[in-house]
Amino acid sequence: MAASHVAAVALLLLVLPRAAESYPWGLCNDTAGNFPARRSGYLANINLIAATLPGNASASPDLFATAEGVGAAPDQVSALALCRGDANASTCLACLTQAFLDLPSSCAYDKVAAIFYDSCLLAYSNATIAAGDFSSEKIPIYGFYNNANATTEQARFNRLVAALVNATADYAARNSTRRRYASGQADFNAEFPKVYSWAQCTPDL
């Protein structure tokens, strides 16, 4: 499977020996600017979405929901919520509720931001988020690695990770359930006895 195709279908890829990365994982984008932490129309619109989007996603068979164009310009907000395909509704609801509490301050009140937990992801933007359209930089593709380095057999480690990620994304896209997710693992060496991966597509793809 070509790397470009992996990027097209894999919303979330985790390649982590269980792990020392800072948690939850945030991806912040300051190119659209920031909003005030108090008395902000943008934050008020995020809070409006927070009142319904976690419930909508957790009640969906796909554990997926979006909110488009909430509020008036220039404070209009769109958001996307997706829970892991193997999560249950209560876990999904709790995770997304927490995500709305954490994300604004975690990304220094950037207007475009996303946050990842083991069970869910939340992203919001001041631009429209087209479900399934991750080719633009509105909501980027994500990949997270443990911040430890493979100090031995680096070339073999890179080949193993590439093969694992491609296989996981391929399975999520082609052979998975309607929630389109897959996990994988591979053995490396004593330094990284197991390498784990996770891929999930937006359910509309």
N, C-alpha and C. Protein backbone atom coordinates (compact mmCIF):
# COMPACT_ATOMS: atom_id res chain seq x y z
N MET A 1 0.84 -1.18 0.00
CA MET A 1 0.00 0.00 0.00
C MET A 1 0.88 1.24 0.00
N ALA A 2 0.62 2.16 -0.92
CA ALA A 2 1.47 3.33 -1.04
C ALA A 2 1.34 4.23 0.16
N ALA A 3 2.44 4.92 0.49
CA ALA A 3 2.42 5.78 1.67
C ALA A 3 1.38 6.87 1.53
N SER A 4 1.18 7.40 0.30
CA SER A 4 0.19 8.45 0.10
C SER A 4 -1.21 7.95 0.39
N HIS A 5 -1.48 6.68 0.09
CA HIS A 5 -2.79 6.12 0.36
C HIS A 5 -2.99 5.93 1.86
N VAL A 6 -1.94 5.57 2.55
CA VAL A 6 -2.03 5.46 4.01
C VAL A 6 -2.43 6.81 4.59
N ALA A 7 -1.80 7.89 4.12
CA ALA A 7 -2.12 9.21 4.63
C ALA A 7 -3.56 9.58 4.34
N ALA A 8 -4.11 9.10 3.24
CA ALA A 8 -5.47 9.45 2.87
C ALA A 8 -6.50 8.78 3.76
N VAL A 9 -6.20 7.57 4.24
CA VAL A 9 -7.22 6.84 4.97
C VAL A 9 -6.99 6.79 6.47
N ALA A 10 -5.80 7.02 6.91
CA ALA A 10 -5.51 6.80 8.33
C ALA A 10 -5.63 8.11 9.08
N LEU A 11 -6.69 8.25 9.82
CA LEU A 11 -6.87 9.44 10.62
C LEU A 11 -5.93 9.45 11.81
N LEU A 12 -5.75 8.31 12.40
CA LEU A 12 -4.95 8.23 13.61
C LEU A 12 -4.07 7.00 13.54
N LEU A 13 -2.77 7.20 13.67
CA LEU A 13 -1.83 6.09 13.73
C LEU A 13 -1.01 6.23 14.99
N LEU A 14 -1.05 5.23 15.81
CA LEU A 14 -0.24 5.20 17.02
C LEU A 14 0.80 4.11 16.88
N VAL A 15 2.05 4.46 16.97
CA VAL A 15 3.12 3.47 16.95
C VAL A 15 3.91 3.68 18.23
N LEU A 16 3.56 2.93 19.26
CA LEU A 16 4.07 3.22 20.58
C LEU A 16 4.45 1.96 21.34
N PRO A 17 5.71 1.80 21.72
CA PRO A 17 5.96 0.92 22.84
C PRO A 17 5.35 1.64 24.04
N ARG A 18 4.47 1.06 24.79
CA ARG A 18 3.61 1.76 25.74
C ARG A 18 4.42 2.61 26.68
N ALA A 19 4.14 3.84 26.97
CA ALA A 19 4.90 4.88 26.39
C ALA A 19 5.10 6.06 27.29
N ALA A 20 6.09 6.84 26.91
CA ALA A 20 6.51 7.97 27.72
C ALA A 20 6.09 9.30 27.12
N GLU A 21 5.34 9.28 26.00
CA GLU A 21 4.87 10.53 25.42
C GLU A 21 3.99 11.27 26.41
N SER A 22 3.99 12.60 26.30
CA SER A 22 3.11 13.41 27.12
C SER A 22 1.66 13.10 26.77
N TYR A 23 0.86 12.89 27.78
CA TYR A 23 -0.52 12.43 27.56
C TYR A 23 -1.48 13.38 28.27
N PRO A 24 -2.60 13.75 27.65
CA PRO A 24 -3.01 13.37 26.29
C PRO A 24 -2.18 14.09 25.23
N TRP A 25 -2.22 13.58 24.02
CA TRP A 25 -1.43 14.13 22.94
C TRP A 25 -2.20 15.24 22.27
N GLY A 26 -1.61 16.42 22.21
CA GLY A 26 -2.25 17.55 21.55
C GLY A 26 -1.52 17.91 20.28
N LEU A 27 -2.27 18.36 19.30
CA LEU A 27 -1.67 18.91 18.09
C LEU A 27 -2.24 20.29 17.89
N CYS A 28 -1.38 21.30 18.04
CA CYS A 28 -1.83 22.69 18.06
C CYS A 28 -1.38 23.39 16.79
N ASN A 29 -2.24 24.24 16.27
CA ASN A 29 -1.96 24.96 15.03
C ASN A 29 -2.28 26.43 15.25
N ASP A 30 -1.24 27.26 15.31
CA ASP A 30 -1.46 28.67 15.61
C ASP A 30 -1.57 29.54 14.37
N THR A 31 -1.64 28.93 13.18
CA THR A 31 -1.67 29.72 11.95
C THR A 31 -2.96 30.54 11.82
N ALA A 32 -4.05 30.07 12.42
CA ALA A 32 -5.32 30.80 12.35
C ALA A 32 -5.48 31.77 13.51
N GLY A 33 -4.50 31.82 14.40
CA GLY A 33 -4.55 32.73 15.53
C GLY A 33 -5.16 32.08 16.76
N ASN A 34 -5.30 32.89 17.79
CA ASN A 34 -5.80 32.44 19.09
C ASN A 34 -7.09 33.16 19.44
N PHE A 35 -7.74 32.69 20.50
CA PHE A 35 -8.91 33.38 21.00
C PHE A 35 -8.72 33.63 22.49
N PRO A 36 -9.35 34.66 23.04
CA PRO A 36 -9.18 34.97 24.46
C PRO A 36 -9.71 33.85 25.35
N ALA A 37 -9.06 33.67 26.47
CA ALA A 37 -9.48 32.63 27.40
C ALA A 37 -10.78 32.99 28.12
N ARG A 38 -11.11 34.28 28.18
CA ARG A 38 -12.33 34.71 28.86
C ARG A 38 -13.11 35.65 27.96
N ARG A 39 -14.41 35.64 28.15
CA ARG A 39 -15.31 36.52 27.39
C ARG A 39 -15.05 36.42 25.90
N SER A 40 -14.91 35.22 25.44
CA SER A 40 -14.60 34.97 24.04
C SER A 40 -15.80 34.35 23.34
N GLY A 41 -16.21 34.95 22.23
CA GLY A 41 -17.28 34.36 21.43
C GLY A 41 -16.88 33.01 20.87
N TYR A 42 -15.61 32.86 20.54
CA TYR A 42 -15.12 31.58 19.99
C TYR A 42 -15.23 30.48 21.04
N LEU A 43 -14.79 30.77 22.26
CA LEU A 43 -14.89 29.78 23.33
C LEU A 43 -16.35 29.50 23.67
N ALA A 44 -17.21 30.52 23.60
CA ALA A 44 -18.63 30.29 23.86
C ALA A 44 -19.21 29.31 22.84
N ASN A 45 -18.78 29.42 21.59
CA ASN A 45 -19.27 28.51 20.56
C ASN A 45 -18.69 27.10 20.74
N ILE A 46 -17.46 27.00 21.19
CA ILE A 46 -16.90 25.69 21.53
C ILE A 46 -17.74 25.06 22.64
N ASN A 47 -18.10 25.85 23.62
CA ASN A 47 -18.90 25.32 24.73
C ASN A 47 -20.30 24.90 24.28
N LEU A 48 -20.87 25.62 23.30
CA LEU A 48 -22.15 25.20 22.73
C LEU A 48 -22.03 23.83 22.07
N ILE A 49 -20.96 23.63 21.33
CA ILE A 49 -20.73 22.33 20.69
C ILE A 49 -20.50 21.26 21.75
N ALA A 50 -19.77 21.63 22.80
CA ALA A 50 -19.46 20.67 23.87
C ALA A 50 -20.72 20.14 24.55
N ALA A 51 -21.78 20.92 24.50
CA ALA A 51 -23.02 20.50 25.15
C ALA A 51 -23.73 19.37 24.40
N THR A 52 -23.41 19.20 23.11
CA THR A 52 -24.14 18.19 22.33
C THR A 52 -23.25 17.17 21.62
N LEU A 53 -22.05 17.59 21.19
CA LEU A 53 -21.25 16.70 20.34
C LEU A 53 -20.82 15.41 21.03
N PRO A 54 -20.37 15.42 22.30
CA PRO A 54 -20.03 14.14 22.94
C PRO A 54 -21.20 13.17 22.98
N GLY A 55 -22.40 13.67 23.27
CA GLY A 55 -23.56 12.81 23.29
C GLY A 55 -23.92 12.29 21.91
N ASN A 56 -23.79 13.15 20.89
CA ASN A 56 -24.09 12.72 19.53
C ASN A 56 -23.12 11.64 19.07
N ALA A 57 -21.84 11.82 19.36
CA ALA A 57 -20.84 10.83 18.94
C ALA A 57 -21.03 9.51 19.69
N SER A 58 -21.24 9.59 21.00
CA SER A 58 -21.34 8.36 21.79
C SER A 58 -22.62 7.59 21.48
N ALA A 59 -23.67 8.28 20.99
CA ALA A 59 -24.92 7.61 20.62
C ALA A 59 -24.90 7.08 19.19
N SER A 60 -23.90 7.50 18.41
CA SER A 60 -23.82 7.07 17.02
C SER A 60 -23.29 5.64 16.93
N PRO A 61 -23.81 4.82 16.01
CA PRO A 61 -23.24 3.48 15.82
C PRO A 61 -21.76 3.52 15.44
N ASP A 62 -21.33 4.64 14.84
CA ASP A 62 -19.94 4.78 14.41
C ASP A 62 -19.06 5.46 15.46
N LEU A 63 -19.66 5.91 16.56
CA LEU A 63 -18.94 6.69 17.57
C LEU A 63 -18.25 7.89 16.94
N PHE A 64 -18.97 8.58 16.09
CA PHE A 64 -18.42 9.66 15.26
C PHE A 64 -19.49 10.72 15.07
N ALA A 65 -19.11 12.00 15.17
CA ALA A 65 -20.04 13.09 14.91
C ALA A 65 -19.27 14.35 14.56
N THR A 66 -19.93 15.24 13.85
CA THR A 66 -19.35 16.54 13.52
C THR A 66 -20.35 17.64 13.87
N ALA A 67 -19.85 18.83 14.02
CA ALA A 67 -20.67 20.03 14.17
C ALA A 67 -20.10 21.07 13.23
N GLU A 68 -20.94 21.66 12.41
CA GLU A 68 -20.47 22.58 11.38
C GLU A 68 -21.01 23.98 11.59
N GLY A 69 -20.10 24.95 11.53
CA GLY A 69 -20.48 26.34 11.48
C GLY A 69 -21.34 26.84 12.62
N VAL A 70 -20.95 26.52 13.84
CA VAL A 70 -21.70 26.98 15.02
C VAL A 70 -21.29 28.41 15.34
N GLY A 71 -22.30 29.29 15.48
CA GLY A 71 -22.02 30.69 15.78
C GLY A 71 -21.86 31.52 14.52
N ALA A 72 -21.60 32.79 14.73
CA ALA A 72 -21.46 33.74 13.63
C ALA A 72 -20.00 34.13 13.46
N ALA A 73 -19.62 34.41 12.21
CA ALA A 73 -18.27 34.89 11.93
C ALA A 73 -18.03 36.20 12.69
N PRO A 74 -16.84 36.45 13.18
CA PRO A 74 -15.59 35.67 12.98
C PRO A 74 -15.35 34.59 14.04
N ASP A 75 -16.37 34.28 14.83
CA ASP A 75 -16.19 33.31 15.93
C ASP A 75 -16.83 31.95 15.62
N GLN A 76 -17.11 31.70 14.35
CA GLN A 76 -17.74 30.44 13.97
C GLN A 76 -16.78 29.27 14.17
N VAL A 77 -17.30 28.15 14.67
CA VAL A 77 -16.49 26.98 15.00
C VAL A 77 -17.11 25.73 14.38
N SER A 78 -16.26 24.86 13.86
CA SER A 78 -16.66 23.52 13.45
C SER A 78 -15.84 22.53 14.25
N ALA A 79 -16.39 21.34 14.47
CA ALA A 79 -15.69 20.35 15.29
C ALA A 79 -15.95 18.95 14.78
N LEU A 80 -15.04 18.07 15.14
CA LEU A 80 -15.13 16.65 14.78
C LEU A 80 -14.77 15.83 16.00
N ALA A 81 -15.57 14.79 16.28
CA ALA A 81 -15.32 13.91 17.41
C ALA A 81 -15.36 12.47 16.93
N LEU A 82 -14.38 11.69 17.32
CA LEU A 82 -14.31 10.28 16.94
C LEU A 82 -13.76 9.49 18.12
N CYS A 83 -14.45 8.41 18.47
CA CYS A 83 -13.94 7.53 19.51
C CYS A 83 -13.38 6.26 18.87
N ARG A 84 -12.49 5.60 19.60
CA ARG A 84 -11.91 4.36 19.12
C ARG A 84 -13.01 3.37 18.76
N GLY A 85 -12.78 2.63 17.72
CA GLY A 85 -13.77 1.69 17.26
C GLY A 85 -14.10 0.60 18.26
N ASP A 86 -13.21 0.34 19.21
CA ASP A 86 -13.49 -0.69 20.21
C ASP A 86 -13.95 -0.10 21.54
N ALA A 87 -14.25 1.21 21.56
CA ALA A 87 -14.75 1.84 22.79
C ALA A 87 -16.26 1.59 22.92
N ASN A 88 -16.77 1.70 24.15
CA ASN A 88 -18.22 1.65 24.32
C ASN A 88 -18.76 3.08 24.47
N ALA A 89 -20.08 3.20 24.50
CA ALA A 89 -20.70 4.52 24.49
C ALA A 89 -20.33 5.35 25.71
N SER A 90 -20.31 4.74 26.88
CA SER A 90 -20.03 5.50 28.10
C SER A 90 -18.58 5.98 28.12
N THR A 91 -17.67 5.13 27.68
CA THR A 91 -16.26 5.54 27.60
C THR A 91 -16.09 6.67 26.61
N CYS A 92 -16.76 6.57 25.47
CA CYS A 92 -16.71 7.61 24.45
C CYS A 92 -17.22 8.93 24.99
N LEU A 93 -18.37 8.91 25.64
CA LEU A 93 -18.95 10.13 26.20
C LEU A 93 -18.02 10.77 27.21
N ALA A 94 -17.48 9.99 28.12
CA ALA A 94 -16.60 10.53 29.15
C ALA A 94 -15.33 11.12 28.54
N CYS A 95 -14.77 10.43 27.56
CA CYS A 95 -13.53 10.88 26.93
C CYS A 95 -13.73 12.21 26.20
N LEU A 96 -14.78 12.31 25.42
CA LEU A 96 -15.02 13.54 24.66
C LEU A 96 -15.39 14.70 25.57
N THR A 97 -16.12 14.42 26.63
CA THR A 97 -16.44 15.46 27.60
C THR A 97 -15.16 16.03 28.21
N GLN A 98 -14.23 15.15 28.56
CA GLN A 98 -12.95 15.59 29.10
C GLN A 98 -12.14 16.34 28.05
N ALA A 99 -12.21 15.90 26.81
CA ALA A 99 -11.46 16.55 25.74
C ALA A 99 -11.88 18.00 25.57
N PHE A 100 -13.17 18.28 25.65
CA PHE A 100 -13.62 19.66 25.54
C PHE A 100 -13.13 20.50 26.71
N LEU A 101 -12.96 19.91 27.86
CA LEU A 101 -12.43 20.65 29.01
C LEU A 101 -10.94 20.93 28.85
N ASP A 102 -10.21 19.99 28.27
CA ASP A 102 -8.76 20.09 28.22
C ASP A 102 -8.21 20.84 27.02
N LEU A 103 -8.87 20.71 25.86
CA LEU A 103 -8.23 21.15 24.63
C LEU A 103 -7.94 22.65 24.56
N PRO A 104 -8.86 23.55 24.91
CA PRO A 104 -8.53 24.97 24.73
C PRO A 104 -7.23 25.38 25.41
N SER A 105 -7.09 25.07 26.68
CA SER A 105 -5.87 25.49 27.37
C SER A 105 -4.66 24.66 26.97
N SER A 106 -4.88 23.40 26.59
CA SER A 106 -3.76 22.55 26.17
C SER A 106 -3.08 23.10 24.93
N CYS A 107 -3.84 23.76 24.08
CA CYS A 107 -3.28 24.33 22.86
C CYS A 107 -3.23 25.85 22.90
N ALA A 108 -3.11 26.41 24.09
CA ALA A 108 -2.93 27.86 24.26
C ALA A 108 -4.00 28.65 23.51
N TYR A 109 -5.22 28.11 23.49
CA TYR A 109 -6.36 28.78 22.89
C TYR A 109 -6.16 29.05 21.40
N ASP A 110 -5.51 28.12 20.70
CA ASP A 110 -5.44 28.17 19.25
C ASP A 110 -6.82 27.89 18.66
N LYS A 111 -7.15 28.58 17.58
CA LYS A 111 -8.46 28.37 16.95
C LYS A 111 -8.54 27.03 16.22
N VAL A 112 -7.42 26.48 15.83
CA VAL A 112 -7.38 25.17 15.18
C VAL A 112 -6.55 24.25 16.05
N ALA A 113 -7.16 23.18 16.54
CA ALA A 113 -6.46 22.32 17.49
C ALA A 113 -7.12 20.95 17.54
N ALA A 114 -6.36 19.99 18.01
CA ALA A 114 -6.87 18.62 18.19
C ALA A 114 -6.19 18.01 19.40
N ILE A 115 -6.88 17.04 19.99
CA ILE A 115 -6.33 16.35 21.16
C ILE A 115 -6.71 14.88 21.09
N PHE A 116 -5.79 14.03 21.51
CA PHE A 116 -5.97 12.59 21.44
C PHE A 116 -5.82 11.97 22.82
N TYR A 117 -6.73 11.07 23.11
CA TYR A 117 -6.66 10.22 24.29
C TYR A 117 -6.63 8.77 23.80
N ASP A 118 -6.43 7.84 24.71
CA ASP A 118 -6.48 6.44 24.30
C ASP A 118 -7.82 6.08 23.67
N SER A 119 -8.89 6.74 24.09
CA SER A 119 -10.24 6.33 23.66
C SER A 119 -10.90 7.25 22.66
N CYS A 120 -10.37 8.44 22.43
CA CYS A 120 -11.08 9.36 21.53
C CYS A 120 -10.15 10.43 21.01
N LEU A 121 -10.66 11.15 20.01
CA LEU A 121 -10.01 12.37 19.56
C LEU A 121 -11.07 13.43 19.37
N LEU A 122 -10.65 14.67 19.54
CA LEU A 122 -11.49 15.84 19.31
C LEU A 122 -10.67 16.85 18.53
N ALA A 123 -11.29 17.44 17.52
CA ALA A 123 -10.63 18.50 16.76
C ALA A 123 -11.64 19.61 16.52
N TYR A 124 -11.18 20.85 16.55
CA TYR A 124 -12.05 21.95 16.14
C TYR A 124 -11.26 22.95 15.31
N SER A 125 -12.00 23.76 14.55
CA SER A 125 -11.39 24.66 13.59
C SER A 125 -12.31 25.84 13.35
N ASN A 126 -11.73 26.94 12.89
CA ASN A 126 -12.53 28.09 12.49
C ASN A 126 -12.97 27.97 11.03
N ALA A 127 -12.59 26.88 10.37
CA ALA A 127 -13.01 26.60 9.00
C ALA A 127 -13.87 25.35 8.98
N THR A 128 -14.62 25.17 7.93
CA THR A 128 -15.47 23.99 7.80
C THR A 128 -14.61 22.74 7.79
N ILE A 129 -15.03 21.73 8.52
CA ILE A 129 -14.37 20.43 8.51
C ILE A 129 -15.25 19.50 7.70
N ALA A 130 -14.78 19.11 6.52
CA ALA A 130 -15.52 18.17 5.70
C ALA A 130 -15.18 16.76 6.17
N ALA A 131 -16.20 16.02 6.59
CA ALA A 131 -15.96 14.67 7.09
C ALA A 131 -15.26 13.85 6.04
N GLY A 132 -14.17 13.23 6.42
CA GLY A 132 -13.41 12.40 5.50
C GLY A 132 -12.39 13.16 4.68
N ASP A 133 -12.37 14.50 4.78
CA ASP A 133 -11.41 15.29 3.99
C ASP A 133 -10.28 15.72 4.89
N PHE A 134 -9.18 14.98 4.86
CA PHE A 134 -8.02 15.32 5.66
C PHE A 134 -6.82 15.62 4.77
N SER A 135 -7.09 16.04 3.52
CA SER A 135 -5.99 16.36 2.61
C SER A 135 -5.47 17.76 2.85
N SER A 136 -6.26 18.61 3.48
CA SER A 136 -5.82 19.97 3.76
C SER A 136 -5.18 20.02 5.15
N GLU A 137 -4.73 21.20 5.53
CA GLU A 137 -4.11 21.35 6.84
C GLU A 137 -5.10 21.85 7.88
N LYS A 138 -6.41 21.84 7.56
CA LYS A 138 -7.38 22.28 8.56
C LYS A 138 -7.30 21.39 9.79
N ILE A 139 -7.38 20.08 9.56
CA ILE A 139 -7.19 19.11 10.62
C ILE A 139 -6.18 18.11 10.08
N PRO A 140 -4.91 18.21 10.45
CA PRO A 140 -3.88 17.40 9.82
C PRO A 140 -4.00 15.91 10.16
N ILE A 141 -3.27 15.11 9.42
CA ILE A 141 -3.09 13.70 9.72
C ILE A 141 -2.13 13.61 10.91
N TYR A 142 -2.33 12.61 11.75
CA TYR A 142 -1.53 12.52 12.95
C TYR A 142 -0.75 11.22 13.00
N GLY A 143 0.47 11.29 13.47
CA GLY A 143 1.23 10.11 13.80
C GLY A 143 2.04 10.40 15.04
N PHE A 144 2.02 9.50 15.99
CA PHE A 144 2.75 9.71 17.23
C PHE A 144 3.71 8.56 17.47
N TYR A 145 4.90 8.89 17.84
CA TYR A 145 5.90 7.90 18.20
C TYR A 145 6.32 8.15 19.64
N ASN A 146 6.70 7.10 20.29
CA ASN A 146 7.35 7.26 21.58
C ASN A 146 8.57 8.15 21.40
N ASN A 147 8.87 9.00 22.39
CA ASN A 147 10.02 9.89 22.23
C ASN A 147 11.35 9.19 22.46
N ALA A 148 11.34 7.92 22.81
CA ALA A 148 12.58 7.15 22.87
C ALA A 148 13.02 6.79 21.45
N ASN A 149 14.31 6.62 21.26
CA ASN A 149 14.84 6.29 19.95
C ASN A 149 15.32 4.85 19.93
N ALA A 150 15.21 4.24 18.76
CA ALA A 150 15.80 2.92 18.56
C ALA A 150 17.29 3.14 18.31
N THR A 151 18.12 2.85 19.28
CA THR A 151 19.54 3.16 19.17
C THR A 151 20.33 2.05 18.48
N THR A 152 19.72 0.88 18.37
CA THR A 152 20.37 -0.20 17.64
C THR A 152 19.46 -0.64 16.50
N GLU A 153 20.05 -1.09 15.44
CA GLU A 153 19.30 -1.58 14.27
C GLU A 153 18.26 -0.57 13.79
N GLN A 154 18.69 0.67 13.65
CA GLN A 154 17.74 1.72 13.30
C GLN A 154 17.08 1.48 11.94
N ALA A 155 17.85 1.08 10.96
CA ALA A 155 17.29 0.85 9.63
C ALA A 155 16.24 -0.26 9.67
N ARG A 156 16.53 -1.33 10.41
CA ARG A 156 15.56 -2.43 10.52
C ARG A 156 14.32 -1.98 11.26
N PHE A 157 14.48 -1.16 12.31
CA PHE A 157 13.35 -0.64 13.05
C PHE A 157 12.45 0.20 12.14
N ASN A 158 13.05 1.06 11.33
CA ASN A 158 12.27 1.89 10.41
C ASN A 158 11.50 1.04 9.41
N ARG A 159 12.14 0.00 8.91
CA ARG A 159 11.45 -0.89 7.96
C ARG A 159 10.30 -1.60 8.65
N LEU A 160 10.52 -2.06 9.88
CA LEU A 160 9.47 -2.75 10.61
C LEU A 160 8.29 -1.83 10.87
N VAL A 161 8.55 -0.60 11.30
CA VAL A 161 7.46 0.34 11.57
C VAL A 161 6.70 0.66 10.29
N ALA A 162 7.41 0.89 9.20
CA ALA A 162 6.73 1.20 7.94
C ALA A 162 5.82 0.05 7.51
N ALA A 163 6.32 -1.17 7.60
CA ALA A 163 5.51 -2.32 7.22
C ALA A 163 4.30 -2.48 8.14
N LEU A 164 4.51 -2.27 9.44
CA LEU A 164 3.44 -2.42 10.42
C LEU A 164 2.35 -1.39 10.20
N VAL A 165 2.74 -0.14 10.01
CA VAL A 165 1.77 0.93 9.82
C VAL A 165 0.99 0.72 8.52
N ASN A 166 1.68 0.36 7.46
CA ASN A 166 1.00 0.12 6.19
C ASN A 166 -0.01 -1.01 6.31
N ALA A 167 0.39 -2.10 6.96
CA ALA A 167 -0.50 -3.24 7.10
C ALA A 167 -1.71 -2.88 7.97
N THR A 168 -1.48 -2.13 9.04
CA THR A 168 -2.58 -1.75 9.94
C THR A 168 -3.56 -0.83 9.23
N ALA A 169 -3.06 0.18 8.53
CA ALA A 169 -3.93 1.10 7.79
C ALA A 169 -4.69 0.36 6.69
N ASP A 170 -4.03 -0.57 6.01
CA ASP A 170 -4.67 -1.32 4.95
C ASP A 170 -5.82 -2.15 5.50
N TYR A 171 -5.60 -2.79 6.65
CA TYR A 171 -6.65 -3.60 7.24
C TYR A 171 -7.82 -2.72 7.70
N ALA A 172 -7.50 -1.57 8.30
CA ALA A 172 -8.57 -0.66 8.74
C ALA A 172 -9.42 -0.21 7.56
N ALA A 173 -8.79 0.07 6.44
CA ALA A 173 -9.50 0.59 5.28
C ALA A 173 -10.29 -0.48 4.54
N ARG A 174 -9.75 -1.70 4.48
CA ARG A 174 -10.30 -2.70 3.57
C ARG A 174 -11.05 -3.84 4.24
N ASN A 175 -10.64 -4.24 5.42
CA ASN A 175 -11.12 -5.50 5.98
C ASN A 175 -11.76 -5.36 7.35
N SER A 176 -11.95 -4.14 7.82
CA SER A 176 -12.38 -3.93 9.19
C SER A 176 -13.90 -3.86 9.27
N THR A 177 -14.41 -3.59 10.46
CA THR A 177 -15.83 -3.42 10.71
C THR A 177 -16.29 -2.08 10.16
N ARG A 178 -17.55 -1.76 10.34
CA ARG A 178 -18.06 -0.48 9.85
C ARG A 178 -17.39 0.70 10.53
N ARG A 179 -16.78 0.48 11.68
CA ARG A 179 -16.06 1.57 12.35
C ARG A 179 -14.65 1.75 11.80
N ARG A 180 -14.23 0.88 10.93
CA ARG A 180 -12.98 1.02 10.17
C ARG A 180 -11.77 1.32 11.06
N TYR A 181 -11.45 0.36 11.90
CA TYR A 181 -10.26 0.50 12.73
C TYR A 181 -9.51 -0.82 12.73
N ALA A 182 -8.25 -0.75 13.09
CA ALA A 182 -7.43 -1.96 13.21
C ALA A 182 -6.26 -1.66 14.12
N SER A 183 -5.75 -2.71 14.76
CA SER A 183 -4.54 -2.59 15.56
C SER A 183 -3.55 -3.64 15.08
N GLY A 184 -2.31 -3.44 15.45
CA GLY A 184 -1.29 -4.41 15.07
C GLY A 184 -0.13 -4.36 16.04
N GLN A 185 0.72 -5.36 15.96
CA GLN A 185 1.93 -5.36 16.76
C GLN A 185 3.00 -6.16 16.02
N ALA A 186 4.23 -5.84 16.37
CA ALA A 186 5.35 -6.55 15.76
C ALA A 186 6.45 -6.68 16.79
N ASP A 187 7.24 -7.73 16.67
CA ASP A 187 8.39 -7.94 17.55
C ASP A 187 9.61 -7.30 16.92
N PHE A 188 10.41 -6.63 17.74
CA PHE A 188 11.63 -6.00 17.22
C PHE A 188 12.85 -6.63 17.86
N ASN A 189 13.22 -6.18 19.05
CA ASN A 189 14.37 -6.77 19.75
C ASN A 189 14.22 -6.48 21.24
N ALA A 190 15.25 -6.71 22.01
CA ALA A 190 15.17 -6.51 23.45
C ALA A 190 14.94 -5.05 23.82
N GLU A 191 15.37 -4.14 22.95
CA GLU A 191 15.20 -2.71 23.20
C GLU A 191 13.72 -2.32 23.10
N PHE A 192 13.06 -2.78 22.09
CA PHE A 192 11.63 -2.59 21.90
C PHE A 192 11.01 -3.96 21.64
N PRO A 193 10.71 -4.72 22.70
CA PRO A 193 10.20 -6.07 22.50
C PRO A 193 8.93 -6.11 21.67
N LYS A 194 8.07 -5.10 21.82
CA LYS A 194 6.85 -5.01 21.05
C LYS A 194 6.68 -3.59 20.51
N VAL A 195 6.26 -3.48 19.28
CA VAL A 195 5.87 -2.20 18.71
C VAL A 195 4.39 -2.33 18.33
N TYR A 196 3.57 -1.37 18.76
CA TYR A 196 2.13 -1.43 18.57
C TYR A 196 1.68 -0.36 17.59
N SER A 197 0.63 -0.65 16.86
CA SER A 197 0.06 0.35 15.95
C SER A 197 -1.46 0.34 16.05
N TRP A 198 -2.03 1.46 15.66
CA TRP A 198 -3.48 1.60 15.62
C TRP A 198 -3.82 2.53 14.45
N ALA A 199 -4.78 2.15 13.65
CA ALA A 199 -5.24 3.02 12.56
C ALA A 199 -6.76 3.06 12.57
N GLN A 200 -7.29 4.22 12.30
CA GLN A 200 -8.75 4.37 12.22
C GLN A 200 -9.09 5.43 11.18
N CYS A 201 -10.10 5.12 10.38
CA CYS A 201 -10.59 6.06 9.38
C CYS A 201 -11.86 6.71 9.89
N THR A 202 -12.17 7.89 9.37
CA THR A 202 -13.49 8.42 9.65
C THR A 202 -14.52 7.49 9.02
N PRO A 203 -15.61 7.18 9.70
CA PRO A 203 -16.52 6.13 9.25
C PRO A 203 -17.20 6.42 7.93
N ASP A 204 -17.21 7.67 7.46
CA ASP A 204 -17.85 7.97 6.20
C ASP A 204 -17.00 7.60 4.99
N LEU A 205 -15.73 7.25 5.22
CA LEU A 205 -14.85 6.93 4.08
C LEU A 205 -15.20 5.57 3.51
